[in-house]
Amino acid sequence: MAEKKCSMTGVDITDTDFGYTLSLIGGKYRMIIMYWLSEHGVVRYNELKRMIGTISYKTLSVMLKEMEADGIVVRKEYPQIPPKVEYSLSERGASLMPLLDMMCRWGAQNRKTQPERSS
């Protein structure tokens, strides 16, 4: 029995399984956030901001809220002053890491090297 294609001709890609997966990992920062959370386990907001570097506070906040709503990230808030909030990958988020690992391996195998300069 043939495996079902993720993206069928004539179908809006956002309505496919492929489109759904892209909605969870696509965008400029989602995979980067997932990478750092997978590498460090539990991370506080400012630590994550420093790790990424190029992301604004507002964008990081929006990304984390969206990823929490998607069930990819777990947010744990501690009732103390000053407030302490930690983020980690959910079980669902961790299940996406093999995809990111495969992308990393593909990049390692297919990266074009800089052409040698002639003197």
PDB file of N, CA and C in Angstrom:
ATOM      1  N   MET A   1       0.839  -1.179   0.000  1.00  0.00           N
ATOM      2  CA  MET A   1       0.000   0.000   0.000  1.00  0.00           C
ATOM      3  C   MET A   1       0.883   1.241   0.000  1.00  0.00           C
ATOM      4  N   ALA A   2       0.623   2.164  -0.914  1.00  0.00           N
ATOM      5  CA  ALA A   2       1.435   3.376  -1.048  1.00  0.00           C
ATOM      6  C   ALA A   2       1.140   4.331   0.105  1.00  0.00           C
ATOM      7  N   GLU A   3       2.185   5.017   0.535  1.00  0.00           N
ATOM      8  CA  GLU A   3       2.035   6.004   1.606  1.00  0.00           C
ATOM      9  C   GLU A   3       1.362   7.252   1.061  1.00  0.00           C
ATOM     10  N   LYS A   4       0.480   7.842   1.862  1.00  0.00           N
ATOM     11  CA  LYS A   4      -0.244   9.053   1.464  1.00  0.00           C
ATOM     12  C   LYS A   4       0.737  10.212   1.304  1.00  0.00           C
ATOM     13  N   LYS A   5       0.584  10.958   0.199  1.00  0.00           N
ATOM     14  CA  LYS A   5       1.412  12.142  -0.022  1.00  0.00           C
ATOM     15  C   LYS A   5       0.968  13.243   0.924  1.00  0.00           C
ATOM     16  N   CYS A   6       1.925  13.974   1.455  1.00  0.00           N
ATOM     17  CA  CYS A   6       1.621  15.078   2.370  1.00  0.00           C
ATOM     18  C   CYS A   6       0.991  16.246   1.641  1.00  0.00           C
ATOM     19  N   SER A   7       1.405  16.490   0.427  1.00  0.00           N
ATOM     20  CA  SER A   7       0.910  17.663  -0.286  1.00  0.00           C
ATOM     21  C   SER A   7       0.430  17.224  -1.663  1.00  0.00           C
ATOM     22  N   MET A   8      -0.860  17.260  -1.833  1.00  0.00           N
ATOM     23  CA  MET A   8      -1.460  16.794  -3.078  1.00  0.00           C
ATOM     24  C   MET A   8      -1.659  17.955  -4.041  1.00  0.00           C
ATOM     25  N   THR A   9      -1.518  17.689  -5.322  1.00  0.00           N
ATOM     26  CA  THR A   9      -1.708  18.700  -6.345  1.00  0.00           C
ATOM     27  C   THR A   9      -3.134  19.242  -6.295  1.00  0.00           C
ATOM     28  N   GLY A  10      -3.259  20.558  -6.422  1.00  0.00           N
ATOM     29  CA  GLY A  10      -4.570  21.179  -6.453  1.00  0.00           C
ATOM     30  C   GLY A  10      -5.165  21.471  -5.086  1.00  0.00           C
ATOM     31  N   VAL A  11      -4.426  21.159  -4.019  1.00  0.00           N
ATOM     32  CA  VAL A  11      -4.919  21.398  -2.664  1.00  0.00           C
ATOM     33  C   VAL A  11      -4.110  22.536  -2.057  1.00  0.00           C
ATOM     34  N   ASP A  12      -4.787  23.451  -1.382  1.00  0.00           N
ATOM     35  CA  ASP A  12      -4.096  24.534  -0.685  1.00  0.00           C
ATOM     36  C   ASP A  12      -3.151  23.908   0.344  1.00  0.00           C
ATOM     37  N   ILE A  13      -1.883  24.229   0.237  1.00  0.00           N
ATOM     38  CA  ILE A  13      -0.873  23.582   1.085  1.00  0.00           C
ATOM     39  C   ILE A  13      -1.142  23.795   2.573  1.00  0.00           C
ATOM     40  N   THR A  14      -1.793  24.892   2.923  1.00  0.00           N
ATOM     41  CA  THR A  14      -2.081  25.125   4.342  1.00  0.00           C
ATOM     42  C   THR A  14      -3.103  24.134   4.883  1.00  0.00           C
ATOM     43  N   ASP A  15      -3.836  23.457   3.986  1.00  0.00           N
ATOM     44  CA  ASP A  15      -4.825  22.464   4.397  1.00  0.00           C
ATOM     45  C   ASP A  15      -4.248  21.048   4.443  1.00  0.00           C
ATOM     46  N   THR A  16      -2.938  20.916   4.267  1.00  0.00           N
ATOM     47  CA  THR A  16      -2.312  19.591   4.246  1.00  0.00           C
ATOM     48  C   THR A  16      -1.543  19.331   5.540  1.00  0.00           C
ATOM     49  N   ASP A  17      -1.147  18.086   5.726  1.00  0.00           N
ATOM     50  CA  ASP A  17      -0.320  17.729   6.883  1.00  0.00           C
ATOM     51  C   ASP A  17       1.016  18.475   6.831  1.00  0.00           C
ATOM     52  N   PHE A  18       1.554  18.614   5.639  1.00  0.00           N
ATOM     53  CA  PHE A  18       2.802  19.351   5.453  1.00  0.00           C
ATOM     54  C   PHE A  18       2.636  20.803   5.889  1.00  0.00           C
ATOM     55  N   GLY A  19       1.544  21.418   5.452  1.00  0.00           N
ATOM     56  CA  GLY A  19       1.265  22.799   5.818  1.00  0.00           C
ATOM     57  C   GLY A  19       1.102  22.967   7.318  1.00  0.00           C
ATOM     58  N   TYR A  20       0.454  22.001   7.957  1.00  0.00           N
ATOM     59  CA  TYR A  20       0.273  22.058   9.408  1.00  0.00           C
ATOM     60  C   TYR A  20       1.632  22.003  10.116  1.00  0.00           C
ATOM     61  N   THR A  21       2.479  21.090   9.681  1.00  0.00           N
ATOM     62  CA  THR A  21       3.806  20.985  10.291  1.00  0.00           C
ATOM     63  C   THR A  21       4.593  22.271  10.088  1.00  0.00           C
ATOM     64  N   LEU A  22       4.533  22.829   8.891  1.00  0.00           N
ATOM     65  CA  LEU A  22       5.213  24.102   8.632  1.00  0.00           C
ATOM     66  C   LEU A  22       4.696  25.215   9.535  1.00  0.00           C
ATOM     67  N   SER A  23       3.407  25.198   9.829  1.00  0.00           N
ATOM     68  CA  SER A  23       2.854  26.245  10.688  1.00  0.00           C
ATOM     69  C   SER A  23       3.430  26.167  12.099  1.00  0.00           C
ATOM     70  N   LEU A  24       3.860  24.987  12.504  1.00  0.00           N
ATOM     71  CA  LEU A  24       4.432  24.819  13.845  1.00  0.00           C
ATOM     72  C   LEU A  24       5.918  25.147  13.906  1.00  0.00           C
ATOM     73  N   ILE A  25       6.648  24.882  12.822  1.00  0.00           N
ATOM     74  CA  ILE A  25       8.108  25.092  12.862  1.00  0.00           C
ATOM     75  C   ILE A  25       8.575  26.221  11.953  1.00  0.00           C
ATOM     76  N   GLY A  26       7.673  26.744  11.110  1.00  0.00           N
ATOM     77  CA  GLY A  26       8.055  27.782  10.168  1.00  0.00           C
ATOM     78  C   GLY A  26       8.243  29.135  10.830  1.00  0.00           C
ATOM     79  N   GLY A  27       8.764  30.050  10.090  1.00  0.00           N
ATOM     80  CA  GLY A  27       8.995  31.386  10.605  1.00  0.00           C
ATOM     81  C   GLY A  27      10.459  31.570  10.974  1.00  0.00           C
ATOM     82  N   LYS A  28      10.813  32.786  11.228  1.00  0.00           N
ATOM     83  CA  LYS A  28      12.217  33.132  11.440  1.00  0.00           C
ATOM     84  C   LYS A  28      12.800  32.574  12.739  1.00  0.00           C
ATOM     85  N   TYR A  29      11.995  32.479  13.794  1.00  0.00           N
ATOM     86  CA  TYR A  29      12.569  32.145  15.101  1.00  0.00           C
ATOM     87  C   TYR A  29      12.097  30.849  15.737  1.00  0.00           C
ATOM     88  N   ARG A  30      11.044  30.237  15.260  1.00  0.00           N
ATOM     89  CA  ARG A  30      10.496  29.057  15.928  1.00  0.00           C
ATOM     90  C   ARG A  30      11.520  27.925  16.065  1.00  0.00           C
ATOM     91  N   MET A  31      12.204  27.590  14.986  1.00  0.00           N
ATOM     92  CA  MET A  31      13.179  26.496  15.063  1.00  0.00           C
ATOM     93  C   MET A  31      14.370  26.878  15.929  1.00  0.00           C
ATOM     94  N   ILE A  32      14.734  28.143  15.921  1.00  0.00           N
ATOM     95  CA  ILE A  32      15.845  28.601  16.759  1.00  0.00           C
ATOM     96  C   ILE A  32      15.473  28.480  18.231  1.00  0.00           C
ATOM     97  N   ILE A  33      14.265  28.878  18.576  1.00  0.00           N
ATOM     98  CA  ILE A  33      13.790  28.743  19.955  1.00  0.00           C
ATOM     99  C   ILE A  33      13.766  27.268  20.347  1.00  0.00           C
ATOM    100  N   MET A  34      13.242  26.423  19.470  1.00  0.00           N
ATOM    101  CA  MET A  34      13.190  24.992  19.755  1.00  0.00           C
ATOM    102  C   MET A  34      14.595  24.422  19.936  1.00  0.00           C
ATOM    103  N   TYR A  35      15.536  24.864  19.103  1.00  0.00           N
ATOM    104  CA  TYR A  35      16.917  24.394  19.210  1.00  0.00           C
ATOM    105  C   TYR A  35      17.488  24.704  20.598  1.00  0.00           C
ATOM    106  N   TRP A  36      17.374  25.967  21.026  1.00  0.00           N
ATOM    107  CA  TRP A  36      17.964  26.351  22.320  1.00  0.00           C
ATOM    108  C   TRP A  36      17.270  25.651  23.474  1.00  0.00           C
ATOM    109  N   LEU A  37      15.962  25.493  23.404  1.00  0.00           N
ATOM    110  CA  LEU A  37      15.260  24.783  24.477  1.00  0.00           C
ATOM    111  C   LEU A  37      15.653  23.312  24.511  1.00  0.00           C
ATOM    112  N   SER A  38      15.875  22.717  23.346  1.00  0.00           N
ATOM    113  CA  SER A  38      16.291  21.312  23.330  1.00  0.00           C
ATOM    114  C   SER A  38      17.716  21.152  23.854  1.00  0.00           C
ATOM    115  N   GLU A  39      18.563  22.130  23.598  1.00  0.00           N
ATOM    116  CA  GLU A  39      19.951  22.078  24.061  1.00  0.00           C
ATOM    117  C   GLU A  39      20.080  22.311  25.565  1.00  0.00           C
ATOM    118  N   HIS A  40      19.233  23.184  26.116  1.00  0.00           N
ATOM    119  CA  HIS A  40      19.395  23.602  27.512  1.00  0.00           C
ATOM    120  C   HIS A  40      18.273  23.148  28.433  1.00  0.00           C
ATOM    121  N   GLY A  41      17.251  22.506  27.904  1.00  0.00           N
ATOM    122  CA  GLY A  41      16.178  21.987  28.750  1.00  0.00           C
ATOM    123  C   GLY A  41      15.244  23.079  29.226  1.00  0.00           C
ATOM    124  N   VAL A  42      15.517  23.627  30.390  1.00  0.00           N
ATOM    125  CA  VAL A  42      14.682  24.672  30.979  1.00  0.00           C
ATOM    126  C   VAL A  42      15.455  25.983  30.923  1.00  0.00           C
ATOM    127  N   VAL A  43      14.805  27.016  30.361  1.00  0.00           N
ATOM    128  CA  VAL A  43      15.499  28.293  30.143  1.00  0.00           C
ATOM    129  C   VAL A  43      14.589  29.438  30.578  1.00  0.00           C
ATOM    130  N   ARG A  44      15.169  30.418  31.250  1.00  0.00           N
ATOM    131  CA  ARG A  44      14.419  31.619  31.610  1.00  0.00           C
ATOM    132  C   ARG A  44      14.381  32.560  30.407  1.00  0.00           C
ATOM    133  N   TYR A  45      13.398  33.466  30.410  1.00  0.00           N
ATOM    134  CA  TYR A  45      13.139  34.353  29.284  1.00  0.00           C
ATOM    135  C   TYR A  45      14.389  35.134  28.855  1.00  0.00           C
ATOM    136  N   ASN A  46      15.042  35.813  29.786  1.00  0.00           N
ATOM    137  CA  ASN A  46      16.207  36.632  29.421  1.00  0.00           C
ATOM    138  C   ASN A  46      17.380  35.791  28.936  1.00  0.00           C
ATOM    139  N   GLU A  47      17.525  34.579  29.471  1.00  0.00           N
ATOM    140  CA  GLU A  47      18.573  33.682  28.979  1.00  0.00           C
ATOM    141  C   GLU A  47      18.313  33.331  27.513  1.00  0.00           C
ATOM    142  N   LEU A  48      17.062  33.019  27.214  1.00  0.00           N
ATOM    143  CA  LEU A  48      16.692  32.674  25.842  1.00  0.00           C
ATOM    144  C   LEU A  48      16.925  33.858  24.918  1.00  0.00           C
ATOM    145  N   LYS A  49      16.577  35.044  25.370  1.00  0.00           N
ATOM    146  CA  LYS A  49      16.802  36.270  24.582  1.00  0.00           C
ATOM    147  C   LYS A  49      18.288  36.427  24.279  1.00  0.00           C
ATOM    148  N   ARG A  50      19.142  36.210  25.277  1.00  0.00           N
ATOM    149  CA  ARG A  50      20.601  36.323  25.062  1.00  0.00           C
ATOM    150  C   ARG A  50      21.113  35.254  24.095  1.00  0.00           C
ATOM    151  N   MET A  51      20.581  34.043  24.207  1.00  0.00           N
ATOM    152  CA  MET A  51      21.016  32.953  23.327  1.00  0.00           C
ATOM    153  C   MET A  51      20.711  33.274  21.867  1.00  0.00           C
ATOM    154  N   ILE A  52      19.517  33.808  21.627  1.00  0.00           N
ATOM    155  CA  ILE A  52      19.108  34.119  20.253  1.00  0.00           C
ATOM    156  C   ILE A  52      19.782  35.392  19.768  1.00  0.00           C
ATOM    157  N   GLY A  53      19.852  36.390  20.620  1.00  0.00           N
ATOM    158  CA  GLY A  53      20.576  37.611  20.289  1.00  0.00           C
ATOM    159  C   GLY A  53      19.838  38.584  19.399  1.00  0.00           C
ATOM    160  N   THR A  54      19.449  38.171  18.222  1.00  0.00           N
ATOM    161  CA  THR A  54      18.901  39.095  17.226  1.00  0.00           C
ATOM    162  C   THR A  54      17.394  39.313  17.344  1.00  0.00           C
ATOM    163  N   ILE A  55      16.750  38.712  18.309  1.00  0.00           N
ATOM    164  CA  ILE A  55      15.295  38.808  18.441  1.00  0.00           C
ATOM    165  C   ILE A  55      14.935  39.923  19.432  1.00  0.00           C
ATOM    166  N   SER A  56      13.877  40.653  19.121  1.00  0.00           N
ATOM    167  CA  SER A  56      13.430  41.703  20.051  1.00  0.00           C
ATOM    168  C   SER A  56      12.647  41.057  21.194  1.00  0.00           C
ATOM    169  N   TYR A  57      12.518  41.784  22.296  1.00  0.00           N
ATOM    170  CA  TYR A  57      11.766  41.274  23.441  1.00  0.00           C
ATOM    171  C   TYR A  57      10.317  40.990  23.057  1.00  0.00           C
ATOM    172  N   LYS A  58       9.719  41.895  22.273  1.00  0.00           N
ATOM    173  CA  LYS A  58       8.323  41.727  21.873  1.00  0.00           C
ATOM    174  C   LYS A  58       8.155  40.498  20.984  1.00  0.00           C
ATOM    175  N   THR A  59       9.040  40.339  20.006  1.00  0.00           N
ATOM    176  CA  THR A  59       8.941  39.196  19.095  1.00  0.00           C
ATOM    177  C   THR A  59       9.104  37.890  19.856  1.00  0.00           C
ATOM    178  N   LEU A  60      10.070  37.838  20.773  1.00  0.00           N
ATOM    179  CA  LEU A  60      10.272  36.624  21.557  1.00  0.00           C
ATOM    180  C   LEU A  60       9.029  36.322  22.383  1.00  0.00           C
ATOM    181  N   SER A  61       8.453  37.337  22.989  1.00  0.00           N
ATOM    182  CA  SER A  61       7.248  37.153  23.792  1.00  0.00           C
ATOM    183  C   SER A  61       6.106  36.604  22.946  1.00  0.00           C
ATOM    184  N   VAL A  62       5.909  37.177  21.759  1.00  0.00           N
ATOM    185  CA  VAL A  62       4.844  36.726  20.853  1.00  0.00           C
ATOM    186  C   VAL A  62       5.103  35.282  20.414  1.00  0.00           C
ATOM    187  N   MET A  63       6.344  34.975  20.031  1.00  0.00           N
ATOM    188  CA  MET A  63       6.687  33.620  19.577  1.00  0.00           C
ATOM    189  C   MET A  63       6.419  32.601  20.680  1.00  0.00           C
ATOM    190  N   LEU A  64       6.853  32.903  21.894  1.00  0.00           N
ATOM    191  CA  LEU A  64       6.669  31.969  23.000  1.00  0.00           C
ATOM    192  C   LEU A  64       5.185  31.761  23.312  1.00  0.00           C
ATOM    193  N   LYS A  65       4.388  32.823  23.253  1.00  0.00           N
ATOM    194  CA  LYS A  65       2.944  32.692  23.488  1.00  0.00           C
ATOM    195  C   LYS A  65       2.300  31.831  22.407  1.00  0.00           C
ATOM    196  N   GLU A  66       2.684  32.047  21.155  1.00  0.00           N
ATOM    197  CA  GLU A  66       2.137  31.238  20.051  1.00  0.00           C
ATOM    198  C   GLU A  66       2.550  29.779  20.201  1.00  0.00           C
ATOM    199  N   MET A  67       3.819  29.564  20.528  1.00  0.00           N
ATOM    200  CA  MET A  67       4.318  28.198  20.657  1.00  0.00           C
ATOM    201  C   MET A  67       3.694  27.487  21.856  1.00  0.00           C
ATOM    202  N   GLU A  68       3.401  28.242  22.908  1.00  0.00           N
ATOM    203  CA  GLU A  68       2.696  27.664  24.058  1.00  0.00           C
ATOM    204  C   GLU A  68       1.271  27.281  23.647  1.00  0.00           C
ATOM    205  N   ALA A  69       0.602  28.161  22.898  1.00  0.00           N
ATOM    206  CA  ALA A  69      -0.758  27.882  22.422  1.00  0.00           C
ATOM    207  C   ALA A  69      -0.781  26.666  21.489  1.00  0.00           C
ATOM    208  N   ASP A  70       0.296  26.470  20.721  1.00  0.00           N
ATOM    209  CA  ASP A  70       0.408  25.322  19.807  1.00  0.00           C
ATOM    210  C   ASP A  70       0.799  24.043  20.532  1.00  0.00           C
ATOM    211  N   GLY A  71       1.117  24.147  21.817  1.00  0.00           N
ATOM    212  CA  GLY A  71       1.509  22.963  22.583  1.00  0.00           C
ATOM    213  C   GLY A  71       2.944  22.549  22.373  1.00  0.00           C
ATOM    214  N   ILE A  72       3.785  23.454  21.878  1.00  0.00           N
ATOM    215  CA  ILE A  72       5.196  23.154  21.590  1.00  0.00           C
ATOM    216  C   ILE A  72       6.074  23.515  22.787  1.00  0.00           C
ATOM    217  N   VAL A  73       5.702  24.564  23.495  1.00  0.00           N
ATOM    218  CA  VAL A  73       6.488  25.082  24.609  1.00  0.00           C
ATOM    219  C   VAL A  73       5.648  25.054  25.882  1.00  0.00           C
ATOM    220  N   VAL A  74       6.309  24.756  26.992  1.00  0.00           N
ATOM    221  CA  VAL A  74       5.669  24.800  28.301  1.00  0.00           C
ATOM    222  C   VAL A  74       6.213  26.014  29.041  1.00  0.00           C
ATOM    223  N   ARG A  75       5.309  26.801  29.587  1.00  0.00           N
ATOM    224  CA  ARG A  75       5.679  27.984  30.369  1.00  0.00           C
ATOM    225  C   ARG A  75       5.345  27.695  31.816  1.00  0.00           C
ATOM    226  N   LYS A  76       6.342  27.859  32.696  1.00  0.00           N
ATOM    227  CA  LYS A  76       6.119  27.638  34.120  1.00  0.00           C
ATOM    228  C   LYS A  76       6.434  28.925  34.858  1.00  0.00           C
ATOM    229  N   GLU A  77       5.429  29.437  35.555  1.00  0.00           N
ATOM    230  CA  GLU A  77       5.584  30.686  36.291  1.00  0.00           C
ATOM    231  C   GLU A  77       5.615  30.381  37.786  1.00  0.00           C
ATOM    232  N   TYR A  78       6.592  30.975  38.472  1.00  0.00           N
ATOM    233  CA  TYR A  78       6.731  30.793  39.909  1.00  0.00           C
ATOM    234  C   TYR A  78       6.185  32.031  40.618  1.00  0.00           C
ATOM    235  N   PRO A  79       5.320  31.845  41.618  1.00  0.00           N
ATOM    236  CA  PRO A  79       4.722  32.982  42.323  1.00  0.00           C
ATOM    237  C   PRO A  79       5.703  33.590  43.326  1.00  0.00           C
ATOM    238  N   GLN A  80       6.553  34.436  42.846  1.00  0.00           N
ATOM    239  CA  GLN A  80       7.539  35.100  43.697  1.00  0.00           C
ATOM    240  C   GLN A  80       7.798  36.493  43.172  1.00  0.00           C
ATOM    241  N   ILE A  81       8.499  37.277  43.942  1.00  0.00           N
ATOM    242  CA  ILE A  81       8.866  38.632  43.530  1.00  0.00           C
ATOM    243  C   ILE A  81      10.382  38.716  43.556  1.00  0.00           C
ATOM    244  N   PRO A  82      11.038  39.098  42.461  1.00  0.00           N
ATOM    245  CA  PRO A  82      10.450  39.343  41.143  1.00  0.00           C
ATOM    246  C   PRO A  82       9.955  38.036  40.519  1.00  0.00           C
ATOM    247  N   PRO A  83       9.030  38.139  39.562  1.00  0.00           N
ATOM    248  CA  PRO A  83       8.476  36.928  38.943  1.00  0.00           C
ATOM    249  C   PRO A  83       9.560  36.113  38.246  1.00  0.00           C
ATOM    250  N   LYS A  84       9.420  34.820  38.337  1.00  0.00           N
ATOM    251  CA  LYS A  84      10.356  33.913  37.667  1.00  0.00           C
ATOM    252  C   LYS A  84       9.533  33.047  36.712  1.00  0.00           C
ATOM    253  N   VAL A  85       9.921  33.065  35.431  1.00  0.00           N
ATOM    254  CA  VAL A  85       9.226  32.277  34.416  1.00  0.00           C
ATOM    255  C   VAL A  85      10.264  31.443  33.673  1.00  0.00           C
ATOM    256  N   GLU A  86       9.964  30.170  33.504  1.00  0.00           N
ATOM    257  CA  GLU A  86      10.860  29.267  32.779  1.00  0.00           C
ATOM    258  C   GLU A  86      10.110  28.644  31.605  1.00  0.00           C
ATOM    259  N   TYR A  87      10.862  28.375  30.554  1.00  0.00           N
ATOM    260  CA  TYR A  87      10.310  27.763  29.346  1.00  0.00           C
ATOM    261  C   TYR A  87      11.059  26.473  29.052  1.00  0.00           C
ATOM    262  N   SER A  88      10.327  25.507  28.521  1.00  0.00           N
ATOM    263  CA  SER A  88      10.927  24.245  28.090  1.00  0.00           C
ATOM    264  C   SER A  88      10.084  23.695  26.942  1.00  0.00           C
ATOM    265  N   LEU A  89      10.638  22.729  26.246  1.00  0.00           N
ATOM    266  CA  LEU A  89       9.861  22.065  25.197  1.00  0.00           C
ATOM    267  C   LEU A  89       8.861  21.128  25.844  1.00  0.00           C
ATOM    268  N   SER A  90       7.667  21.100  25.311  1.00  0.00           N
ATOM    269  CA  SER A  90       6.682  20.112  25.749  1.00  0.00           C
ATOM    270  C   SER A  90       7.062  18.764  25.130  1.00  0.00           C
ATOM    271  N   GLU A  91       6.347  17.734  25.518  1.00  0.00           N
ATOM    272  CA  GLU A  91       6.563  16.425  24.899  1.00  0.00           C
ATOM    273  C   GLU A  91       6.290  16.515  23.398  1.00  0.00           C
ATOM    274  N   ARG A  92       5.256  17.267  23.062  1.00  0.00           N
ATOM    275  CA  ARG A  92       4.910  17.465  21.644  1.00  0.00           C
ATOM    276  C   ARG A  92       6.029  18.208  20.919  1.00  0.00           C
ATOM    277  N   GLY A  93       6.574  19.249  21.547  1.00  0.00           N
ATOM    278  CA  GLY A  93       7.678  20.000  20.958  1.00  0.00           C
ATOM    279  C   GLY A  93       8.912  19.130  20.780  1.00  0.00           C
ATOM    280  N   ALA A  94       9.205  18.323  21.791  1.00  0.00           N
ATOM    281  CA  ALA A  94      10.366  17.429  21.712  1.00  0.00           C
ATOM    282  C   ALA A  94      10.201  16.415  20.585  1.00  0.00           C
ATOM    283  N   SER A  95       8.941  16.048  20.280  1.00  0.00           N
ATOM    284  CA  SER A  95       8.715  15.078  19.205  1.00  0.00           C
ATOM    285  C   SER A  95       9.053  15.656  17.834  1.00  0.00           C
ATOM    286  N   LEU A  96       9.183  16.989  17.737  1.00  0.00           N
ATOM    287  CA  LEU A  96       9.580  17.624  16.477  1.00  0.00           C
ATOM    288  C   LEU A  96      11.098  17.661  16.294  1.00  0.00           C
ATOM    289  N   MET A  97      11.853  17.413  17.350  1.00  0.00           N
ATOM    290  CA  MET A  97      13.308  17.532  17.263  1.00  0.00           C
ATOM    291  C   MET A  97      13.953  16.582  16.256  1.00  0.00           C
ATOM    292  N   PRO A  98      13.454  15.360  16.064  1.00  0.00           N
ATOM    293  CA  PRO A  98      14.047  14.526  15.011  1.00  0.00           C
ATOM    294  C   PRO A  98      13.970  15.179  13.624  1.00  0.00           C
ATOM    295  N   LEU A  99      12.898  15.946  13.366  1.00  0.00           N
ATOM    296  CA  LEU A  99      12.805  16.683  12.100  1.00  0.00           C
ATOM    297  C   LEU A  99      13.930  17.699  11.984  1.00  0.00           C
ATOM    298  N   LEU A 100      14.163  18.451  13.051  1.00  0.00           N
ATOM    299  CA  LEU A 100      15.216  19.453  13.043  1.00  0.00           C
ATOM    300  C   LEU A 100      16.591  18.799  12.941  1.00  0.00           C
ATOM    301  N   ASP A 101      16.760  17.650  13.600  1.00  0.00           N
ATOM    302  CA  ASP A 101      18.030  16.915  13.501  1.00  0.00           C
ATOM    303  C   ASP A 101      18.270  16.444  12.067  1.00  0.00           C
ATOM    304  N   MET A 102      17.211  15.977  11.398  1.00  0.00           N
ATOM    305  CA  MET A 102      17.348  15.551   9.996  1.00  0.00           C
ATOM    306  C   MET A 102      17.723  16.734   9.109  1.00  0.00           C
ATOM    307  N   MET A 103      17.149  17.902   9.384  1.00  0.00           N
ATOM    308  CA  MET A 103      17.484  19.101   8.614  1.00  0.00           C
ATOM    309  C   MET A 103      18.952  19.464   8.830  1.00  0.00           C
ATOM    310  N   CYS A 104      19.417  19.310  10.050  1.00  0.00           N
ATOM    311  CA  CYS A 104      20.821  19.602  10.362  1.00  0.00           C
ATOM    312  C   CYS A 104      21.748  18.650   9.595  1.00  0.00           C
ATOM    313  N   ARG A 105      21.413  17.363   9.611  1.00  0.00           N
ATOM    314  CA  ARG A 105      22.239  16.385   8.879  1.00  0.00           C
ATOM    315  C   ARG A 105      22.229  16.679   7.382  1.00  0.00           C
ATOM    316  N   TRP A 106      21.058  17.029   6.849  1.00  0.00           N
ATOM    317  CA  TRP A 106      20.978  17.362   5.431  1.00  0.00           C
ATOM    318  C   TRP A 106      21.876  18.556   5.128  1.00  0.00           C
ATOM    319  N   GLY A 107      21.838  19.565   5.985  1.00  0.00           N
ATOM    320  CA  GLY A 107      22.683  20.749   5.793  1.00  0.00           C
ATOM    321  C   GLY A 107      24.159  20.397   5.814  1.00  0.00           C
ATOM    322  N   ALA A 108      24.542  19.521   6.731  1.00  0.00           N
ATOM    323  CA  ALA A 108      25.946  19.110   6.819  1.00  0.00           C
ATOM    324  C   ALA A 108      26.381  18.376   5.552  1.00  0.00           C
ATOM    325  N   GLN A 109      25.489  17.569   4.993  1.00  0.00           N
ATOM    326  CA  GLN A 109      25.825  16.792   3.797  1.00  0.00           C
ATOM    327  C   GLN A 109      25.750  17.602   2.508  1.00  0.00           C
ATOM    328  N   ASN A 110      24.960  18.657   2.487  1.00  0.00           N
ATOM    329  CA  ASN A 110      24.707  19.376   1.245  1.00  0.00           C
ATOM    330  C   ASN A 110      25.173  20.817   1.225  1.00  0.00           C
ATOM    331  N   ARG A 111      25.829  21.246   2.278  1.00  0.00           N
ATOM    332  CA  ARG A 111      26.314  22.626   2.324  1.00  0.00           C
ATOM    333  C   ARG A 111      27.345  22.822   1.229  1.00  0.00           C
ATOM    334  N   LYS A 112      27.164  23.886   0.488  1.00  0.00           N
ATOM    335  CA  LYS A 112      28.143  24.206  -0.555  1.00  0.00           C
ATOM    336  C   LYS A 112      29.299  24.929   0.101  1.00  0.00           C
ATOM    337  N   THR A 113      30.495  24.479  -0.181  1.00  0.00           N
ATOM    338  CA  THR A 113      31.660  25.121   0.389  1.00  0.00           C
ATOM    339  C   THR A 113      32.011  26.351  -0.439  1.00  0.00           C
ATOM    340  N   GLN A 114      32.703  27.276   0.175  1.00  0.00           N
ATOM    341  CA  GLN A 114      33.136  28.481  -0.530  1.00  0.00           C
ATOM    342  C   GLN A 114      34.096  28.078  -1.644  1.00  0.00           C
ATOM    343  N   PRO A 115      33.911  28.598  -2.852  1.00  0.00           N
ATOM    344  CA  PRO A 115      34.853  28.264  -3.930  1.00  0.00           C
ATOM    345  C   PRO A 115      36.245  28.820  -3.599  1.00  0.00           C
ATOM    346  N   GLU A 116      37.231  28.045  -3.950  1.00  0.00           N
ATOM    347  CA  GLU A 116      38.623  28.497  -3.707  1.00  0.00           C
ATOM    348  C   GLU A 116      38.931  29.665  -4.607  1.00  0.00           C
ATOM    349  N   ARG A 117      39.631  30.612  -4.054  1.00  0.00           N
ATOM    350  CA  ARG A 117      40.019  31.795  -4.836  1.00  0.00           C
ATOM    351  C   ARG A 117      41.325  31.506  -5.573  1.00  0.00           C
ATOM    352  N   SER A 118      41.362  31.956  -6.809  1.00  0.00           N
ATOM    353  CA  SER A 118      42.610  31.777  -7.555  1.00  0.00           C
ATOM    354  C   SER A 118      43.509  32.968  -7.253  1.00  0.00           C
ATOM    355  N   SER A 119      44.791  32.690  -7.134  1.00  0.00           N
ATOM    356  CA  SER A 119      45.742  33.749  -6.785  1.00  0.00           C
ATOM    357  C   SER A 119      46.184  34.543  -7.959  1.00  0.00           C
TER     358      SER A 119
END
